[in-house]
Each structure stands twice: as C-alpha cells, then as structure tokens.
PDB file of all heavy atoms in Angstrom:
ATOM      1  N   ILE A   1      -0.918  -9.163   6.449  1.00  0.00           N
ATOM      2  CA  ILE A   1      -1.106  -8.442   7.760  1.00  0.00           C
ATOM      3  C   ILE A   1      -2.532  -8.138   7.972  1.00  0.00           C
ATOM      4  O   ILE A   1      -3.063  -8.295   9.028  1.00  0.00           O
ATOM      5  CB  ILE A   1      -0.172  -7.155   7.659  1.00  0.00           C
ATOM      6  CG1 ILE A   1       1.286  -7.557   7.686  1.00  0.00           C
ATOM      7  CG2 ILE A   1      -0.604  -6.201   8.945  1.00  0.00           C
ATOM      8  CD1 ILE A   1       2.204  -6.356   7.533  1.00  0.00           C
ATOM      9  N   ILE A   2      -3.269  -7.609   7.017  1.00  0.00           N
ATOM     10  CA  ILE A   2      -4.674  -7.233   7.270  1.00  0.00           C
ATOM     11  C   ILE A   2      -5.499  -8.405   7.471  1.00  0.00           C
ATOM     12  O   ILE A   2      -6.423  -8.478   8.258  1.00  0.00           O
ATOM     13  CB  ILE A   2      -5.139  -6.362   6.031  1.00  0.00           C
ATOM     14  CG1 ILE A   2      -4.402  -4.995   5.975  1.00  0.00           C
ATOM     15  CG2 ILE A   2      -6.612  -6.025   6.179  1.00  0.00           C
ATOM     16  CD1 ILE A   2      -4.460  -4.067   7.255  1.00  0.00           C
ATOM     17  N   LYS A   3      -5.220  -9.453   6.743  1.00  0.00           N
ATOM     18  CA  LYS A   3      -6.064 -10.792   6.893  1.00  0.00           C
ATOM     19  C   LYS A   3      -5.906 -11.260   8.338  1.00  0.00           C
ATOM     20  O   LYS A   3      -6.877 -11.859   8.768  1.00  0.00           O
ATOM     21  CB  LYS A   3      -5.613 -11.855   5.921  1.00  0.00           C
ATOM     22  CG  LYS A   3      -5.964 -11.558   4.546  1.00  0.00           C
ATOM     23  CD  LYS A   3      -5.553 -12.615   3.513  1.00  0.00           C
ATOM     24  CE  LYS A   3      -5.922 -12.304   2.139  1.00  0.00           C
ATOM     25  NZ  LYS A   3      -5.451 -13.325   1.197  1.00  0.00           N
ATOM     26  N   ASN A   4      -4.887 -11.005   9.044  1.00  0.00           N
ATOM     27  CA  ASN A   4      -4.678 -11.548  10.366  1.00  0.00           C
ATOM     28  C   ASN A   4      -4.748 -10.488  11.497  1.00  0.00           C
ATOM     29  O   ASN A   4      -4.379 -10.793  12.608  1.00  0.00           O
ATOM     30  CB  ASN A   4      -3.341 -12.283  10.404  1.00  0.00           C
ATOM     31  CG  ASN A   4      -3.318 -13.556   9.568  1.00  0.00           C
ATOM     32  OD1 ASN A   4      -3.911 -14.463   9.841  1.00  0.00           O
ATOM     33  ND2 ASN A   4      -2.467 -13.512   8.481  1.00  0.00           N
ATOM     34  N   VAL A   5      -5.264  -9.305  11.128  1.00  0.00           N
ATOM     35  CA  VAL A   5      -5.060  -8.224  12.003  1.00  0.00           C
ATOM     36  C   VAL A   5      -6.101  -8.335  13.247  1.00  0.00           C
ATOM     37  O   VAL A   5      -5.910  -7.690  14.316  1.00  0.00           O
ATOM     38  CB  VAL A   5      -5.384  -6.873  11.221  1.00  0.00           C
ATOM     39  CG1 VAL A   5      -6.910  -6.693  11.007  1.00  0.00           C
ATOM     40  CG2 VAL A   5      -4.836  -5.656  12.082  1.00  0.00           C
ATOM     41  N   ASN A   6      -7.137  -9.278  13.139  1.00  0.00           N
ATOM     42  CA  ASN A   6      -7.884  -9.417  14.210  1.00  0.00           C
ATOM     43  C   ASN A   6      -7.262  -9.946  15.524  1.00  0.00           C
ATOM     44  O   ASN A   6      -7.712  -9.713  16.552  1.00  0.00           O
ATOM     45  CB  ASN A   6      -9.072 -10.337  13.878  1.00  0.00           C
ATOM     46  CG  ASN A   6     -10.280  -9.653  13.155  1.00  0.00           C
ATOM     47  OD1 ASN A   6     -10.456  -8.459  13.136  1.00  0.00           O
ATOM     48  ND2 ASN A   6     -11.073 -10.415  12.544  1.00  0.00           N
ATOM     49  N   LYS A   7      -6.211 -10.546  15.322  1.00  0.00           N
ATOM     50  CA  LYS A   7      -5.384 -11.262  16.358  1.00  0.00           C
ATOM     51  C   LYS A   7      -4.857 -10.098  17.309  1.00  0.00           C
ATOM     52  O   LYS A   7      -4.546 -10.347  18.465  1.00  0.00           O
ATOM     53  CB  LYS A   7      -4.243 -11.976  15.831  1.00  0.00           C
ATOM     54  CG  LYS A   7      -4.763 -13.209  15.071  1.00  0.00           C
ATOM     55  CD  LYS A   7      -3.557 -14.083  14.482  1.00  0.00           C
ATOM     56  CE  LYS A   7      -3.973 -15.291  13.665  1.00  0.00           C
ATOM     57  NZ  LYS A   7      -2.905 -15.986  13.179  1.00  0.00           N
ATOM     58  N   ILE A   8      -4.655  -8.870  16.748  1.00  0.00           N
ATOM     59  CA  ILE A   8      -3.953  -7.817  17.502  1.00  0.00           C
ATOM     60  C   ILE A   8      -4.854  -6.564  17.588  1.00  0.00           C
ATOM     61  O   ILE A   8      -4.321  -5.476  17.921  1.00  0.00           O
ATOM     62  CB  ILE A   8      -2.655  -7.420  16.812  1.00  0.00           C
ATOM     63  CG1 ILE A   8      -2.763  -7.059  15.349  1.00  0.00           C
ATOM     64  CG2 ILE A   8      -1.630  -8.622  16.876  1.00  0.00           C
ATOM     65  CD1 ILE A   8      -1.561  -6.439  14.703  1.00  0.00           C
ATOM     66  N   LYS A   9      -6.163  -6.775  17.177  1.00  0.00           N
ATOM     67  CA  LYS A   9      -7.030  -5.602  17.079  1.00  0.00           C
ATOM     68  C   LYS A   9      -7.173  -4.712  18.388  1.00  0.00           C
ATOM     69  O   LYS A   9      -7.491  -3.620  18.432  1.00  0.00           O
ATOM     70  CB  LYS A   9      -8.301  -5.912  16.517  1.00  0.00           C
ATOM     71  CG  LYS A   9      -9.209  -6.913  17.370  1.00  0.00           C
ATOM     72  CD  LYS A   9     -10.464  -7.300  16.560  1.00  0.00           C
ATOM     73  CE  LYS A   9     -11.185  -8.439  17.298  1.00  0.00           C
ATOM     74  NZ  LYS A   9     -12.002  -8.101  18.340  1.00  0.00           N
ATOM     75  N   ASP A  10      -6.987  -5.476  19.491  1.00  0.00           N
ATOM     76  CA  ASP A  10      -7.123  -4.688  20.796  1.00  0.00           C
ATOM     77  C   ASP A  10      -5.929  -4.303  21.495  1.00  0.00           C
ATOM     78  O   ASP A  10      -5.914  -3.708  22.596  1.00  0.00           O
ATOM     79  CB  ASP A  10      -7.956  -5.666  21.744  1.00  0.00           C
ATOM     80  CG  ASP A  10      -9.393  -5.841  21.205  1.00  0.00           C
ATOM     81  OD1 ASP A  10     -10.009  -4.888  20.650  1.00  0.00           O
ATOM     82  OD2 ASP A  10      -9.904  -6.934  21.349  1.00  0.00           O
ATOM     83  N   ILE A  11      -4.781  -4.563  20.844  1.00  0.00           N
ATOM     84  CA  ILE A  11      -3.420  -4.115  21.403  1.00  0.00           C
ATOM     85  C   ILE A  11      -3.247  -2.519  21.159  1.00  0.00           C
ATOM     86  O   ILE A  11      -3.471  -2.134  20.156  1.00  0.00           O
ATOM     87  CB  ILE A  11      -2.363  -4.918  20.784  1.00  0.00           C
ATOM     88  CG1 ILE A  11      -2.264  -6.345  21.179  1.00  0.00           C
ATOM     89  CG2 ILE A  11      -0.927  -4.293  21.159  1.00  0.00           C
ATOM     90  CD1 ILE A  11      -1.416  -7.215  20.416  1.00  0.00           C
ATOM     91  N   GLU A  12      -2.899  -1.817  22.398  1.00  0.00           N
ATOM     92  CA  GLU A  12      -2.636  -0.421  22.215  1.00  0.00           C
ATOM     93  C   GLU A  12      -1.510  -0.164  21.139  1.00  0.00           C
ATOM     94  O   GLU A  12      -0.444  -0.696  21.156  1.00  0.00           O
ATOM     95  CB  GLU A  12      -2.109   0.136  23.516  1.00  0.00           C
ATOM     96  CG  GLU A  12      -1.942   1.645  23.503  1.00  0.00           C
ATOM     97  CD  GLU A  12      -1.418   2.168  24.763  1.00  0.00           C
ATOM     98  OE1 GLU A  12      -1.504   1.340  25.780  1.00  0.00           O
ATOM     99  OE2 GLU A  12      -1.024   3.327  24.864  1.00  0.00           O
ATOM    100  N   THR A  13      -1.897   0.717  20.152  1.00  0.00           N
ATOM    101  CA  THR A  13      -0.982   1.051  19.007  1.00  0.00           C
ATOM    102  C   THR A  13      -0.935   2.477  18.743  1.00  0.00           C
ATOM    103  O   THR A  13      -2.044   3.124  18.640  1.00  0.00           O
ATOM    104  CB  THR A  13      -1.452   0.242  17.821  1.00  0.00           C
ATOM    105  OG1 THR A  13      -1.548  -1.117  17.977  1.00  0.00           O
ATOM    106  CG2 THR A  13      -0.474   0.422  16.628  1.00  0.00           C
ATOM    107  N   VAL A  14       0.322   2.986  18.558  1.00  0.00           N
ATOM    108  CA  VAL A  14       0.484   4.337  18.046  1.00  0.00           C
ATOM    109  C   VAL A  14       1.029   4.336  16.699  1.00  0.00           C
ATOM    110  O   VAL A  14       2.128   3.648  16.463  1.00  0.00           O
ATOM    111  CB  VAL A  14       1.279   5.130  19.038  1.00  0.00           C
ATOM    112  CG1 VAL A  14       1.670   6.546  18.491  1.00  0.00           C
ATOM    113  CG2 VAL A  14       0.801   5.179  20.467  1.00  0.00           C
ATOM    114  N   ILE A  15       0.514   5.058  15.737  1.00  0.00           N
ATOM    115  CA  ILE A  15       0.993   5.108  14.341  1.00  0.00           C
ATOM    116  C   ILE A  15       1.275   6.447  13.901  1.00  0.00           C
ATOM    117  O   ILE A  15       0.518   7.353  14.156  1.00  0.00           O
ATOM    118  CB  ILE A  15      -0.170   4.557  13.414  1.00  0.00           C
ATOM    119  CG1 ILE A  15      -0.488   3.060  13.763  1.00  0.00           C
ATOM    120  CG2 ILE A  15       0.369   4.594  11.990  1.00  0.00           C
ATOM    121  CD1 ILE A  15      -1.723   2.533  13.087  1.00  0.00           C
ATOM    122  N   VAL A  16       2.451   6.727  13.442  1.00  0.00           N
ATOM    123  CA  VAL A  16       2.929   8.049  13.058  1.00  0.00           C
ATOM    124  C   VAL A  16       3.284   7.821  11.513  1.00  0.00           C
ATOM    125  O   VAL A  16       4.180   7.005  11.120  1.00  0.00           O
ATOM    126  CB  VAL A  16       4.116   8.531  13.772  1.00  0.00           C
ATOM    127  CG1 VAL A  16       4.564   9.940  13.269  1.00  0.00           C
ATOM    128  CG2 VAL A  16       3.840   8.571  15.352  1.00  0.00           C
ATOM    129  N   HIS A  17       2.668   8.645  10.750  1.00  0.00           N
ATOM    130  CA  HIS A  17       2.897   8.583   9.256  1.00  0.00           C
ATOM    131  C   HIS A  17       2.835   9.960   8.511  1.00  0.00           C
ATOM    132  O   HIS A  17       1.856  10.819   8.968  1.00  0.00           O
ATOM    133  CB  HIS A  17       1.840   7.715   8.637  1.00  0.00           C
ATOM    134  CG  HIS A  17       2.295   7.137   7.401  1.00  0.00           C
ATOM    135  ND1 HIS A  17       2.627   5.766   7.356  1.00  0.00           N
ATOM    136  CD2 HIS A  17       2.361   7.496   6.059  1.00  0.00           C
ATOM    137  CE1 HIS A  17       3.039   5.412   5.946  1.00  0.00           C
ATOM    138  NE2 HIS A  17       2.755   6.396   5.321  1.00  0.00           N
ATOM    139  N   ASN A  18       3.711  10.266   7.497  1.00  0.00           N
ATOM    140  CA  ASN A  18       3.649  11.542   6.685  1.00  0.00           C
ATOM    141  C   ASN A  18       2.393  11.337   5.775  1.00  0.00           C
ATOM    142  O   ASN A  18       2.204  10.362   5.151  1.00  0.00           O
ATOM    143  CB  ASN A  18       4.872  11.638   5.921  1.00  0.00           C
ATOM    144  CG  ASN A  18       6.004  12.356   6.626  1.00  0.00           C
ATOM    145  OD1 ASN A  18       5.659  12.906   7.718  1.00  0.00           O
ATOM    146  ND2 ASN A  18       7.168  12.267   6.170  1.00  0.00           N
ATOM    147  N   ARG A  19       1.814  12.500   5.570  1.00  0.00           N
ATOM    148  CA  ARG A  19       0.590  12.544   4.585  1.00  0.00           C
ATOM    149  C   ARG A  19       1.057  12.201   3.231  1.00  0.00           C
ATOM    150  O   ARG A  19       0.489  11.555   2.591  1.00  0.00           O
ATOM    151  CB  ARG A  19      -0.053  13.880   4.672  1.00  0.00           C
ATOM    152  CG  ARG A  19      -1.087  14.169   3.679  1.00  0.00           C
ATOM    153  CD  ARG A  19      -2.424  13.287   3.901  1.00  0.00           C
ATOM    154  NE  ARG A  19      -3.146  13.790   4.934  1.00  0.00           N
ATOM    155  CZ  ARG A  19      -4.357  13.190   5.344  1.00  0.00           C
ATOM    156  NH1 ARG A  19      -4.806  12.191   4.639  1.00  0.00           N
ATOM    157  NH2 ARG A  19      -5.017  13.691   6.438  1.00  0.00           N
ATOM    158  N   LEU A  20       2.151  12.816   2.788  1.00  0.00           N
ATOM    159  CA  LEU A  20       2.666  12.729   1.532  1.00  0.00           C
ATOM    160  C   LEU A  20       3.968  11.822   1.430  1.00  0.00           C
ATOM    161  O   LEU A  20       4.996  12.263   0.995  1.00  0.00           O
ATOM    162  CB  LEU A  20       2.849  14.021   1.015  1.00  0.00           C
ATOM    163  CG  LEU A  20       1.742  14.968   0.642  1.00  0.00           C
ATOM    164  CD1 LEU A  20       2.188  16.378   0.088  1.00  0.00           C
ATOM    165  CD2 LEU A  20       0.684  14.226  -0.251  1.00  0.00           C
ATOM    166  N   ASP A  21       3.696  10.599   1.985  1.00  0.00           N
ATOM    167  CA  ASP A  21       4.769   9.591   1.836  1.00  0.00           C
ATOM    168  C   ASP A  21       4.612   8.846   0.505  1.00  0.00           C
ATOM    169  O   ASP A  21       3.608   8.203   0.405  1.00  0.00           O
ATOM    170  CB  ASP A  21       4.717   8.626   3.052  1.00  0.00           C
ATOM    171  CG  ASP A  21       5.952   7.721   3.048  1.00  0.00           C
ATOM    172  OD1 ASP A  21       6.442   7.317   1.962  1.00  0.00           O
ATOM    173  OD2 ASP A  21       6.134   7.123   4.233  1.00  0.00           O
ATOM    174  N   LEU A  22       5.555   9.054  -0.452  1.00  0.00           N
ATOM    175  CA  LEU A  22       5.349   8.464  -1.778  1.00  0.00           C
ATOM    176  C   LEU A  22       6.073   7.138  -1.767  1.00  0.00           C
ATOM    177  O   LEU A  22       6.007   6.498  -2.912  1.00  0.00           O
ATOM    178  CB  LEU A  22       5.831   9.334  -2.781  1.00  0.00           C
ATOM    179  CG  LEU A  22       5.205  10.789  -2.960  1.00  0.00           C
ATOM    180  CD1 LEU A  22       5.706  11.494  -4.169  1.00  0.00           C
ATOM    181  CD2 LEU A  22       3.703  10.519  -3.097  1.00  0.00           C
ATOM    182  N   ILE A  23       6.708   6.654  -0.792  1.00  0.00           N
ATOM    183  CA  ILE A  23       7.468   5.395  -0.723  1.00  0.00           C
ATOM    184  C   ILE A  23       6.400   4.368  -0.136  1.00  0.00           C
ATOM    185  O   ILE A  23       6.029   3.293  -0.680  1.00  0.00           O
ATOM    186  CB  ILE A  23       8.594   5.303   0.192  1.00  0.00           C
ATOM    187  CG1 ILE A  23       9.603   6.335  -0.300  1.00  0.00           C
ATOM    188  CG2 ILE A  23       9.274   3.995   0.262  1.00  0.00           C
ATOM    189  CD1 ILE A  23      10.121   6.161  -1.720  1.00  0.00           C
ATOM    190  N   CYS A  24       5.863   4.831   1.057  1.00  0.00           N
ATOM    191  CA  CYS A  24       4.831   3.808   1.696  1.00  0.00           C
ATOM    192  C   CYS A  24       3.600   4.771   1.863  1.00  0.00           C
ATOM    193  O   CYS A  24       3.368   5.548   2.860  1.00  0.00           O
ATOM    194  CB  CYS A  24       5.281   3.399   2.992  1.00  0.00           C
ATOM    195  SG  CYS A  24       6.675   2.309   2.956  1.00  0.00           S
ATOM    196  N   PRO A  25       2.658   4.875   0.871  1.00  0.00           N
ATOM    197  CA  PRO A  25       1.487   5.768   0.896  1.00  0.00           C
ATOM    198  C   PRO A  25       0.798   5.782   2.117  1.00  0.00           C
ATOM    199  O   PRO A  25       0.553   4.630   2.789  1.00  0.00           O
ATOM    200  CB  PRO A  25       0.727   5.400  -0.370  1.00  0.00           C
ATOM    201  CG  PRO A  25       1.720   4.798  -1.268  1.00  0.00           C
ATOM    202  CD  PRO A  25       2.707   3.976  -0.405  1.00  0.00           C
ATOM    203  N   TYR A  26       0.214   6.794   2.525  1.00  0.00           N
ATOM    204  CA  TYR A  26      -0.654   7.058   3.752  1.00  0.00           C
ATOM    205  C   TYR A  26      -1.765   6.116   3.896  1.00  0.00           C
ATOM    206  O   TYR A  26      -2.075   5.660   4.972  1.00  0.00           O
ATOM    207  CB  TYR A  26      -1.143   8.508   3.680  1.00  0.00           C
ATOM    208  CG  TYR A  26      -1.922   8.826   4.920  1.00  0.00           C
ATOM    209  CD1 TYR A  26      -1.249   9.212   6.148  1.00  0.00           C
ATOM    210  CD2 TYR A  26      -3.329   8.875   4.797  1.00  0.00           C
ATOM    211  CE1 TYR A  26      -2.103   9.512   7.208  1.00  0.00           C
ATOM    212  CE2 TYR A  26      -4.104   9.317   5.890  1.00  0.00           C
ATOM    213  CZ  TYR A  26      -3.529   9.556   7.143  1.00  0.00           C
ATOM    214  OH  TYR A  26      -4.308   9.985   8.178  1.00  0.00           O
ATOM    215  N   LYS A  27      -2.386   5.564   2.765  1.00  0.00           N
ATOM    216  CA  LYS A  27      -3.382   4.711   2.772  1.00  0.00           C
ATOM    217  C   LYS A  27      -3.145   3.470   3.648  1.00  0.00           C
ATOM    218  O   LYS A  27      -4.033   2.868   4.288  1.00  0.00           O
ATOM    219  CB  LYS A  27      -3.975   4.356   1.447  1.00  0.00           C
ATOM    220  CG  LYS A  27      -5.134   3.419   1.425  1.00  0.00           C
ATOM    221  CD  LYS A  27      -5.638   3.144  -0.070  1.00  0.00           C
ATOM    222  CE  LYS A  27      -6.869   2.313  -0.153  1.00  0.00           C
ATOM    223  NZ  LYS A  27      -6.749   1.044   0.438  1.00  0.00           N
ATOM    224  N   GLY A  28      -1.917   3.007   3.631  1.00  0.00           N
ATOM    225  CA  GLY A  28      -1.574   1.778   4.362  1.00  0.00           C
ATOM    226  C   GLY A  28      -1.800   2.049   5.871  1.00  0.00           C
ATOM    227  O   GLY A  28      -2.193   1.234   6.596  1.00  0.00           O
ATOM    228  N   ALA A  29      -1.187   3.214   6.328  1.00  0.00           N
ATOM    229  CA  ALA A  29      -1.464   3.512   7.759  1.00  0.00           C
ATOM    230  C   ALA A  29      -2.873   3.744   8.021  1.00  0.00           C
ATOM    231  O   ALA A  29      -3.347   3.328   9.112  1.00  0.00           O
ATOM    232  CB  ALA A  29      -0.674   4.773   7.988  1.00  0.00           C
ATOM    233  N   TYR A  30      -3.641   4.408   7.170  1.00  0.00           N
ATOM    234  CA  TYR A  30      -5.089   4.669   7.495  1.00  0.00           C
ATOM    235  C   TYR A  30      -5.826   3.278   7.466  1.00  0.00           C
ATOM    236  O   TYR A  30      -6.664   2.972   8.382  1.00  0.00           O
ATOM    237  CB  TYR A  30      -5.746   5.549   6.423  1.00  0.00           C
ATOM    238  CG  TYR A  30      -7.099   5.876   6.549  1.00  0.00           C
ATOM    239  CD1 TYR A  30      -7.492   6.826   7.437  1.00  0.00           C
ATOM    240  CD2 TYR A  30      -8.081   5.094   5.773  1.00  0.00           C
ATOM    241  CE1 TYR A  30      -8.757   7.149   7.682  1.00  0.00           C
ATOM    242  CE2 TYR A  30      -9.432   5.456   6.020  1.00  0.00           C
ATOM    243  CZ  TYR A  30      -9.786   6.450   6.918  1.00  0.00           C
ATOM    244  OH  TYR A  30     -11.074   6.773   7.082  1.00  0.00           O
ATOM    245  N   ASP A  31      -5.581   2.458   6.539  1.00  0.00           N
ATOM    246  CA  ASP A  31      -6.270   1.080   6.569  1.00  0.00           C
ATOM    247  C   ASP A  31      -5.898   0.290   7.760  1.00  0.00           C
ATOM    248  O   ASP A  31      -6.713  -0.437   8.328  1.00  0.00           O
ATOM    249  CB  ASP A  31      -5.818   0.204   5.342  1.00  0.00           C
ATOM    250  CG  ASP A  31      -6.312   0.887   4.038  1.00  0.00           C
ATOM    251  OD1 ASP A  31      -7.252   1.688   3.995  1.00  0.00           O
ATOM    252  OD2 ASP A  31      -5.926   0.431   2.922  1.00  0.00           O
ATOM    253  N   LEU A  32      -4.693   0.301   8.249  1.00  0.00           N
ATOM    254  CA  LEU A  32      -4.344  -0.419   9.456  1.00  0.00           C
ATOM    255  C   LEU A  32      -5.000   0.171  10.716  1.00  0.00           C
ATOM    256  O   LEU A  32      -5.590  -0.555  11.388  1.00  0.00           O
ATOM    257  CB  LEU A  32      -2.764  -0.351   9.653  1.00  0.00           C
ATOM    258  CG  LEU A  32      -2.287  -0.949  10.909  1.00  0.00           C
ATOM    259  CD1 LEU A  32      -2.423  -2.484  10.837  1.00  0.00           C
ATOM    260  CD2 LEU A  32      -0.769  -0.661  11.116  1.00  0.00           C
ATOM    261  N   HIS A  33      -4.976   1.506  10.731  1.00  0.00           N
ATOM    262  CA  HIS A  33      -5.713   2.160  11.884  1.00  0.00           C
ATOM    263  C   HIS A  33      -7.203   1.833  11.914  1.00  0.00           C
ATOM    264  O   HIS A  33      -7.698   1.483  13.011  1.00  0.00           O
ATOM    265  CB  HIS A  33      -5.410   3.755  11.651  1.00  0.00           C
ATOM    266  CG  HIS A  33      -6.332   4.440  12.597  1.00  0.00           C
ATOM    267  ND1 HIS A  33      -6.210   4.486  14.009  1.00  0.00           N
ATOM    268  CD2 HIS A  33      -7.385   5.354  12.359  1.00  0.00           C
ATOM    269  CE1 HIS A  33      -7.104   5.323  14.486  1.00  0.00           C
ATOM    270  NE2 HIS A  33      -7.763   5.912  13.484  1.00  0.00           N
ATOM    271  N   LYS A  34      -7.818   1.849  10.880  1.00  0.00           N
ATOM    272  CA  LYS A  34      -9.342   1.425  10.863  1.00  0.00           C
ATOM    273  C   LYS A  34      -9.544   0.052  11.313  1.00  0.00           C
ATOM    274  O   LYS A  34     -10.653  -0.246  11.782  1.00  0.00           O
ATOM    275  CB  LYS A  34      -9.822   1.707   9.511  1.00  0.00           C
ATOM    276  CG  LYS A  34      -9.756   3.082   8.998  1.00  0.00           C
ATOM    277  CD  LYS A  34     -10.721   4.076   9.711  1.00  0.00           C
ATOM    278  CE  LYS A  34     -12.172   3.857   9.379  1.00  0.00           C
ATOM    279  NZ  LYS A  34     -12.979   4.816   9.992  1.00  0.00           N
ATOM    280  N   LYS A  35      -8.518  -0.785  11.171  1.00  0.00           N
ATOM    281  CA  LYS A  35      -8.732  -2.256  11.590  1.00  0.00           C
ATOM    282  C   LYS A  35      -8.462  -2.532  12.924  1.00  0.00           C
ATOM    283  O   LYS A  35      -8.813  -3.603  13.476  1.00  0.00           O
ATOM    284  CB  LYS A  35      -7.960  -3.192  10.693  1.00  0.00           C
ATOM    285  CG  LYS A  35      -8.387  -3.234   9.211  1.00  0.00           C
ATOM    286  CD  LYS A  35      -9.656  -3.968   9.038  1.00  0.00           C
ATOM    287  CE  LYS A  35      -9.880  -4.159   7.450  1.00  0.00           C
ATOM    288  NZ  LYS A  35     -11.128  -4.851   7.258  1.00  0.00           N
ATOM    289  N   LEU A  36      -7.932  -1.585  13.614  1.00  0.00           N
ATOM    290  CA  LEU A  36      -7.524  -1.611  15.100  1.00  0.00           C
ATOM    291  C   LEU A  36      -8.438  -0.989  16.073  1.00  0.00           C
ATOM    292  O   LEU A  36      -8.715   0.203  15.747  1.00  0.00           O
ATOM    293  CB  LEU A  36      -6.012  -1.187  15.319  1.00  0.00           C
ATOM    294  CG  LEU A  36      -4.899  -1.995  14.461  1.00  0.00           C
ATOM    295  CD1 LEU A  36      -3.616  -1.303  14.621  1.00  0.00           C
ATOM    296  CD2 LEU A  36      -4.875  -3.473  14.835  1.00  0.00           C
ATOM    297  N   ASN A  37      -8.856  -1.607  17.050  1.00  0.00           N
ATOM    298  CA  ASN A  37      -9.818  -0.880  18.016  1.00  0.00           C
ATOM    299  C   ASN A  37      -9.195  -0.009  18.937  1.00  0.00           C
ATOM    300  O   ASN A  37      -9.768   0.820  19.517  1.00  0.00           O
ATOM    301  CB  ASN A  37     -10.477  -2.139  18.807  1.00  0.00           C
ATOM    302  CG  ASN A  37     -11.431  -2.885  17.866  1.00  0.00           C
ATOM    303  OD1 ASN A  37     -11.744  -2.503  16.897  1.00  0.00           O
ATOM    304  ND2 ASN A  37     -11.615  -4.198  18.429  1.00  0.00           N
ATOM    305  N   ASN A  38      -7.799  -0.117  19.103  1.00  0.00           N
ATOM    306  CA  ASN A  38      -7.158   0.636  20.212  1.00  0.00           C
ATOM    307  C   ASN A  38      -5.893   1.367  19.686  1.00  0.00           C
ATOM    308  O   ASN A  38      -4.806   1.282  20.246  1.00  0.00           O
ATOM    309  CB  ASN A  38      -6.839  -0.364  21.338  1.00  0.00           C
ATOM    310  CG  ASN A  38      -6.422   0.438  22.573  1.00  0.00           C
ATOM    311  OD1 ASN A  38      -6.597   1.474  22.685  1.00  0.00           O
ATOM    312  ND2 ASN A  38      -5.670  -0.331  23.517  1.00  0.00           N
ATOM    313  N   SER A  39      -6.037   1.966  18.461  1.00  0.00           N
ATOM    314  CA  SER A  39      -4.942   2.642  17.827  1.00  0.00           C
ATOM    315  C   SER A  39      -5.224   4.010  17.777  1.00  0.00           C
ATOM    316  O   SER A  39      -6.277   4.617  17.646  1.00  0.00           O
ATOM    317  CB  SER A  39      -4.780   2.044  16.459  1.00  0.00           C
ATOM    318  OG  SER A  39      -5.813   2.431  15.465  1.00  0.00           O
ATOM    319  N   LYS A  40      -4.124   4.816  17.657  1.00  0.00           N
ATOM    320  CA  LYS A  40      -4.100   6.286  17.440  1.00  0.00           C
ATOM    321  C   LYS A  40      -3.255   6.501  16.272  1.00  0.00           C
ATOM    322  O   LYS A  40      -2.092   6.202  16.178  1.00  0.00           O
ATOM    323  CB  LYS A  40      -3.593   7.004  18.679  1.00  0.00           C
ATOM    324  CG  LYS A  40      -3.627   8.541  18.603  1.00  0.00           C
ATOM    325  CD  LYS A  40      -3.175   9.197  19.809  1.00  0.00           C
ATOM    326  CE  LYS A  40      -3.249  10.816  19.600  1.00  0.00           C
ATOM    327  NZ  LYS A  40      -2.754  11.405  20.983  1.00  0.00           N
ATOM    328  N   LEU A  41      -3.853   7.256  15.256  1.00  0.00           N
ATOM    329  CA  LEU A  41      -2.986   7.598  14.013  1.00  0.00           C
ATOM    330  C   LEU A  41      -2.674   9.115  14.139  1.00  0.00           C
ATOM    331  O   LEU A  41      -3.485   9.992  14.168  1.00  0.00           O
ATOM    332  CB  LEU A  41      -3.944   7.422  12.809  1.00  0.00           C
ATOM    333  CG  LEU A  41      -3.244   7.853  11.505  1.00  0.00           C
ATOM    334  CD1 LEU A  41      -1.982   7.068  11.072  1.00  0.00           C
ATOM    335  CD2 LEU A  41      -4.220   7.422  10.296  1.00  0.00           C
ATOM    336  N   ILE A  42      -1.378   9.269  14.024  1.00  0.00           N
ATOM    337  CA  ILE A  42      -0.824  10.807  14.020  1.00  0.00           C
ATOM    338  C   ILE A  42      -0.343  11.047  12.698  1.00  0.00           C
ATOM    339  O   ILE A  42       0.545  10.410  12.121  1.00  0.00           O
ATOM    340  CB  ILE A  42       0.348  10.943  15.087  1.00  0.00           C
ATOM    341  CG1 ILE A  42      -0.251  10.776  16.513  1.00  0.00           C
ATOM    342  CG2 ILE A  42       0.902  12.295  14.966  1.00  0.00           C
ATOM    343  CD1 ILE A  42       0.052   9.535  17.113  1.00  0.00           C
ATOM    344  N   THR A  43      -1.057  11.895  12.003  1.00  0.00           N
ATOM    345  CA  THR A  43      -0.728  12.369  10.581  1.00  0.00           C
ATOM    346  C   THR A  43       0.149  13.504  10.633  1.00  0.00           C
ATOM    347  O   THR A  43      -0.113  14.564  11.161  1.00  0.00           O
ATOM    348  CB  THR A  43      -1.997  12.696   9.806  1.00  0.00           C
ATOM    349  OG1 THR A  43      -2.883  11.426   9.964  1.00  0.00           O
ATOM    350  CG2 THR A  43      -1.676  12.890   8.421  1.00  0.00           C
ATOM    351  N   ILE A  44       1.303  13.453   9.940  1.00  0.00           N
ATOM    352  CA  ILE A  44       2.269  14.540   9.846  1.00  0.00           C
ATOM    353  C   ILE A  44       2.150  15.154   8.428  1.00  0.00           C
ATOM    354  O   ILE A  44       2.219  14.530   7.364  1.00  0.00           O
ATOM    355  CB  ILE A  44       3.688  14.012  10.177  1.00  0.00           C
ATOM    356  CG1 ILE A  44       3.826  13.185  11.334  1.00  0.00           C
ATOM    357  CG2 ILE A  44       4.725  15.115  10.114  1.00  0.00           C
ATOM    358  CD1 ILE A  44       3.401  13.773  12.634  1.00  0.00           C
TER     359      ILE A  44
END
C-alpha cells in the first residue's frame, strides 16, 4: 500500500483511528496520513 500510495496522494481522505488500538496500531494510520497530501486524521 505505502509503496503505491503516490497514485492516490491527492484524493480527499478522512481517517478515524483509536490511539490505543492494539490490533491495528495507530502508527499505520499515522504513516498513511503522512503520505497523503489531502487527508485528515481524526485520533480517538
């Protein structure tokens, strides 16, 4: 996903993620958000 993220970097994206998610750690949401130019990360 991250290797190909440039293809979607300008698509409007909203991301909602729990801070203490121990199944899918928050870092994944943060890393994705940092790679996207038009995203909003909402941390719960």
